[in-house]
C-alpha atoms as a PDB file:
ATOM      1  CA  MET A   1     132.290  94.061 103.101  1.00  0.00           C
ATOM      2  CA  LYS A   2     132.286  92.414 106.507  1.00  0.00           C
ATOM      3  CA  SER A   3     130.871  95.531 108.124  1.00  0.00           C
ATOM      4  CA  ILE A   4     127.874  95.455 105.753  1.00  0.00           C
ATOM      5  CA  LEU A   5     127.272  91.798 106.580  1.00  0.00           C
ATOM      6  CA  TYR A   6     127.447  92.568 110.309  1.00  0.00           C
ATOM      7  CA  LEU A   7     124.992  95.434 109.836  1.00  0.00           C
ATOM      8  CA  ILE A   8     122.531  93.159 108.027  1.00  0.00           C
ATOM      9  CA  VAL A   9     122.789  90.517 110.763  1.00  0.00           C
ATOM     10  CA  LEU A  10     122.296  93.229 113.416  1.00  0.00           C
ATOM     11  CA  CYS A  11     119.182  94.560 111.637  1.00  0.00           C
ATOM     12  CA  PHE A  12     117.643  91.086 111.445  1.00  0.00           C
ATOM     13  CA  SER A  13     118.434  90.374 115.086  1.00  0.00           C
ATOM     14  CA  LEU A  14     116.751  93.618 116.205  1.00  0.00           C
ATOM     15  CA  THR A  15     113.583  92.925 114.243  1.00  0.00           C
ATOM     16  CA  ALA A  16     111.179  90.186 115.140  1.00  0.00           C
ATOM     17  CA  CYS A  17     108.155  88.379 113.840  1.00  0.00           C
ATOM     18  CA  HIS A  18     105.151  88.585 116.098  1.00  0.00           C
ATOM     19  CA  THR A  19     101.610  87.325 116.449  1.00  0.00           C
ATOM     20  CA  PHE A  20      98.773  88.943 118.391  1.00  0.00           C
ATOM     21  CA  ASN A  21      95.619  86.985 119.264  1.00  0.00           C
ATOM     22  CA  LEU A  22      92.328  88.415 120.486  1.00  0.00           C
ATOM     23  CA  ASN A  23      89.752  85.848 121.652  1.00  0.00           C
ATOM     24  CA  LYS A  24      86.177  86.912 122.293  1.00  0.00           C
ATOM     25  CA  GLY A  25      85.088  83.853 124.255  1.00  0.00           C
ATOM     26  CA  PRO A  26      85.819  80.190 124.804  1.00  0.00           C
ATOM     27  CA  ASP A  27      87.779  78.490 122.062  1.00  0.00           C
ATOM     28  CA  VAL A  28      85.291  76.866 119.679  1.00  0.00           C
ATOM     29  CA  HIS A  29      85.739  75.370 116.260  1.00  0.00           C
ATOM     30  CA  PRO A  30      85.345  78.166 113.728  1.00  0.00           C
ATOM     31  CA  ARG A  31      82.692  77.976 111.053  1.00  0.00           C
ATOM     32  CA  TYR A  32      85.074  79.653 108.632  1.00  0.00           C
ATOM     33  CA  GLU A  33      88.070  81.958 108.623  1.00  0.00           C
ATOM     34  CA  THR A  34      88.879  84.994 106.518  1.00  0.00           C
ATOM     35  CA  GLU A  35      92.387  86.219 105.791  1.00  0.00           C
ATOM     36  CA  ASN A  36      93.320  89.744 104.739  1.00  0.00           C
ATOM     37  CA  PHE A  37      96.278  92.068 104.751  1.00  0.00           C
ATOM     38  CA  HIS A  38      96.290  95.233 106.804  1.00  0.00           C
ATOM     39  CA  HIS A  39      98.563  97.873 105.310  1.00  0.00           C
ATOM     40  CA  ILE A  40     100.306 100.150 107.800  1.00  0.00           C
ATOM     41  CA  GLY A  41     103.510 102.128 107.757  1.00  0.00           C
ATOM     42  CA  ILE A  42     105.793 104.848 109.040  1.00  0.00           C
ATOM     43  CA  LEU A  43     106.992 102.661 111.921  1.00  0.00           C
ATOM     44  CA  LYS A  44     103.445 101.228 112.314  1.00  0.00           C
ATOM     45  CA  LEU A  45     101.969 104.617 113.222  1.00  0.00           C
ATOM     46  CA  VAL A  46      99.879 105.292 110.078  1.00  0.00           C
ATOM     47  CA  GLU A  47      97.179 103.045 108.578  1.00  0.00           C
ATOM     48  CA  PHE A  48      97.065 102.901 104.772  1.00  0.00           C
ATOM     49  CA  SER A  49      94.051 100.566 104.674  1.00  0.00           C
ATOM     50  CA  GLU A  50      90.827 100.472 106.636  1.00  0.00           C
ATOM     51  CA  PRO A  51      90.976  98.595 109.945  1.00  0.00           C
ATOM     52  CA  VAL A  52      89.662  95.027 109.736  1.00  0.00           C
ATOM     53  CA  ASP A  53      86.198  94.824 111.299  1.00  0.00           C
ATOM     54  CA  PRO A  54      85.543  91.251 112.487  1.00  0.00           C
ATOM     55  CA  ARG A  55      81.756  91.843 112.491  1.00  0.00           C
ATOM     56  CA  LYS A  56      81.822  92.559 108.754  1.00  0.00           C
ATOM     57  CA  SER A  57      84.126  89.611 108.040  1.00  0.00           C
ATOM     58  CA  CYS A  58      81.824  87.175 109.851  1.00  0.00           C
ATOM     59  CA  ASP A  59      78.369  88.564 109.117  1.00  0.00           C
ATOM     60  CA  GLY A  60      77.830  88.978 112.829  1.00  0.00           C
ATOM     61  CA  ASP A  61      79.420  86.853 115.519  1.00  0.00           C
ATOM     62  CA  TRP A  62      83.188  86.326 115.532  1.00  0.00           C
ATOM     63  CA  ASN A  63      85.377  84.173 117.760  1.00  0.00           C
ATOM     64  CA  SER A  64      88.962  85.412 117.387  1.00  0.00           C
ATOM     65  CA  VAL A  65      91.219  87.798 115.507  1.00  0.00           C
ATOM     66  CA  GLU A  66      94.884  87.080 114.869  1.00  0.00           C
ATOM     67  CA  THR A  67      97.396  89.516 113.411  1.00  0.00           C
ATOM     68  CA  ARG A  68     100.751  88.213 112.265  1.00  0.00           C
ATOM     69  CA  THR A  69     103.945  89.805 111.063  1.00  0.00           C
ATOM     70  CA  GLY A  70     106.050  87.120 109.413  1.00  0.00           C
ATOM     71  CA  PRO A  71     109.593  87.072 108.053  1.00  0.00           C
ATOM     72  CA  ILE A  72     108.535  88.322 104.615  1.00  0.00           C
ATOM     73  CA  GLN A  73     106.743  91.331 106.126  1.00  0.00           C
ATOM     74  CA  VAL A  74     109.794  92.098 108.283  1.00  0.00           C
ATOM     75  CA  LEU A  75     112.023  91.934 105.207  1.00  0.00           C
ATOM     76  CA  ILE A  76     109.699  94.287 103.295  1.00  0.00           C
ATOM     77  CA  GLY A  77     109.755  96.715 106.227  1.00  0.00           C
ATOM     78  CA  LEU A  78     113.551  96.638 106.315  1.00  0.00           C
ATOM     79  CA  ILE A  79     113.886  97.171 102.563  1.00  0.00           C
ATOM     80  CA  VAL A  80     111.660 100.256 102.555  1.00  0.00           C
ATOM     81  CA  GLY A  81     113.077 101.632 105.797  1.00  0.00           C
ATOM     82  CA  GLY A  82     109.984 101.168 107.974  1.00  0.00           C
ATOM     83  CA  PHE A  83     107.698 103.224 105.742  1.00  0.00           C
ATOM     84  CA  TYR A  84     105.532 100.198 104.912  1.00  0.00           C
ATOM     85  CA  ASN A  85     104.743  97.293 107.276  1.00  0.00           C
ATOM     86  CA  PRO A  86     102.015  94.890 106.091  1.00  0.00           C
ATOM     87  CA  GLU A  87     100.357  92.485 108.541  1.00  0.00           C
ATOM     88  CA  GLU A  88      98.320  89.336 107.926  1.00  0.00           C
ATOM     89  CA  VAL A  89      94.927  89.399 109.670  1.00  0.00           C
ATOM     90  CA  LYS A  90      92.881  86.220 110.211  1.00  0.00           C
ATOM     91  CA  VAL A  91      89.334  86.396 111.609  1.00  0.00           C
ATOM     92  CA  SER A  92      87.668  83.193 112.889  1.00  0.00           C
ATOM     93  CA  CYS A  93      83.876  83.175 112.828  1.00  0.00           C
ATOM     94  CA  LYS A  94      81.659  81.261 115.278  1.00  0.00           C
ATOM     95  CA  MET A  95      79.490  78.343 114.243  1.00  0.00           C
END
């Protein structure tokens, strides 16, 4: 039983949450933000959903794109063995 607990702790310590930000220009107050999920899998090598296009999300000019993998997404990836890894995608649109 202890070995299973150690294995679970080891798996969680080897995985990590991460955030990636892409800024197009100077930081300005966004007019609005859109949030979506991007569905990827097989160790983040295969896309199951279409890539998020910030131009379509903002009807033109966008300011920044942020992708985030949080603790829930990490847990889902661990449960299914890395075959599915969802990410949150937030697009900020310029004023």
